[in-house]
């Protein structure tokens, strides 16, 4: 009986670990996408600023 309990416990633990890592991967993916968007926005903003400044002078 104890052996069965230990096996189910281990399966649950491995399942939780897999779930945790998949969530971590998903979260890092979202974070990276947001970062890319910020970088694109930043370069776009700097480009616009530079373009407007060069057009004024």
Protein backbone atom coordinates (compact mmCIF):
# COMPACT_ATOMS: atom_id res chain seq x y z
CA UNK A 1 0.00 0.00 0.00
CA UNK A 2 2.78 2.37 0.91
CA UNK A 3 4.58 1.61 -2.37
CA UNK A 4 1.52 2.59 -4.42
CA UNK A 5 1.23 5.83 -2.46
CA UNK A 6 4.90 6.64 -3.07
CA UNK A 7 4.50 5.97 -6.81
CA UNK A 8 1.45 8.23 -7.13
CA UNK A 9 3.29 10.86 -5.11
CA UNK A 10 6.24 10.74 -7.47
CA UNK A 11 3.95 10.95 -10.50
CA UNK A 12 2.22 13.96 -9.00
CA UNK A 13 5.56 15.59 -8.27
CA UNK A 14 6.85 15.04 -11.80
CA UNK A 15 3.56 16.36 -13.17
CA UNK A 16 3.86 19.50 -11.05
CA UNK A 17 7.47 19.99 -12.13
CA UNK A 18 6.49 19.67 -15.80
CA UNK A 19 3.61 22.07 -15.27
CA UNK A 20 5.90 24.56 -13.51
CA UNK A 21 8.50 24.46 -16.28
CA UNK A 22 5.88 24.81 -19.01
CA UNK A 23 4.42 27.82 -17.21
CA UNK A 24 7.90 29.28 -16.79
CA UNK A 25 8.64 28.77 -20.49
CA UNK A 26 5.32 30.35 -21.49
CA UNK A 27 5.88 33.31 -19.17
CA UNK A 28 9.41 33.91 -20.45
CA UNK A 29 8.06 33.71 -24.01
CA UNK A 30 5.47 36.41 -23.25
CA UNK A 31 8.09 38.51 -21.47
CA UNK A 32 10.45 38.22 -24.44
CA UNK A 33 7.70 39.24 -26.86
CA UNK A 34 6.89 42.28 -24.74
CA UNK A 35 10.58 43.17 -24.64
CA UNK A 36 10.81 42.90 -28.42
CA UNK A 37 7.79 45.17 -28.77
CA UNK A 38 9.41 47.68 -26.44
CA UNK A 39 12.66 47.56 -28.41
CA UNK A 40 10.78 48.06 -31.67
CA UNK A 41 8.84 50.95 -30.18
CA UNK A 42 12.04 52.48 -28.81
CA UNK A 43 13.85 52.27 -32.16
CA UNK A 44 10.75 53.61 -33.92
CA UNK A 45 10.50 56.49 -31.44
CA UNK A 46 14.22 57.33 -31.78
CA UNK A 47 13.94 57.13 -35.55
CA UNK A 48 10.95 59.47 -35.56
CA UNK A 49 12.74 61.86 -33.21
CA UNK A 50 15.88 61.82 -35.36
CA UNK A 51 13.86 62.20 -38.55
CA UNK A 52 11.85 65.12 -37.17
CA UNK A 53 14.99 66.76 -35.82
CA UNK A 54 16.82 66.45 -39.15
CA UNK A 55 13.78 67.75 -41.00
CA UNK A 56 13.55 70.83 -38.74
CA UNK A 57 17.20 71.81 -39.17
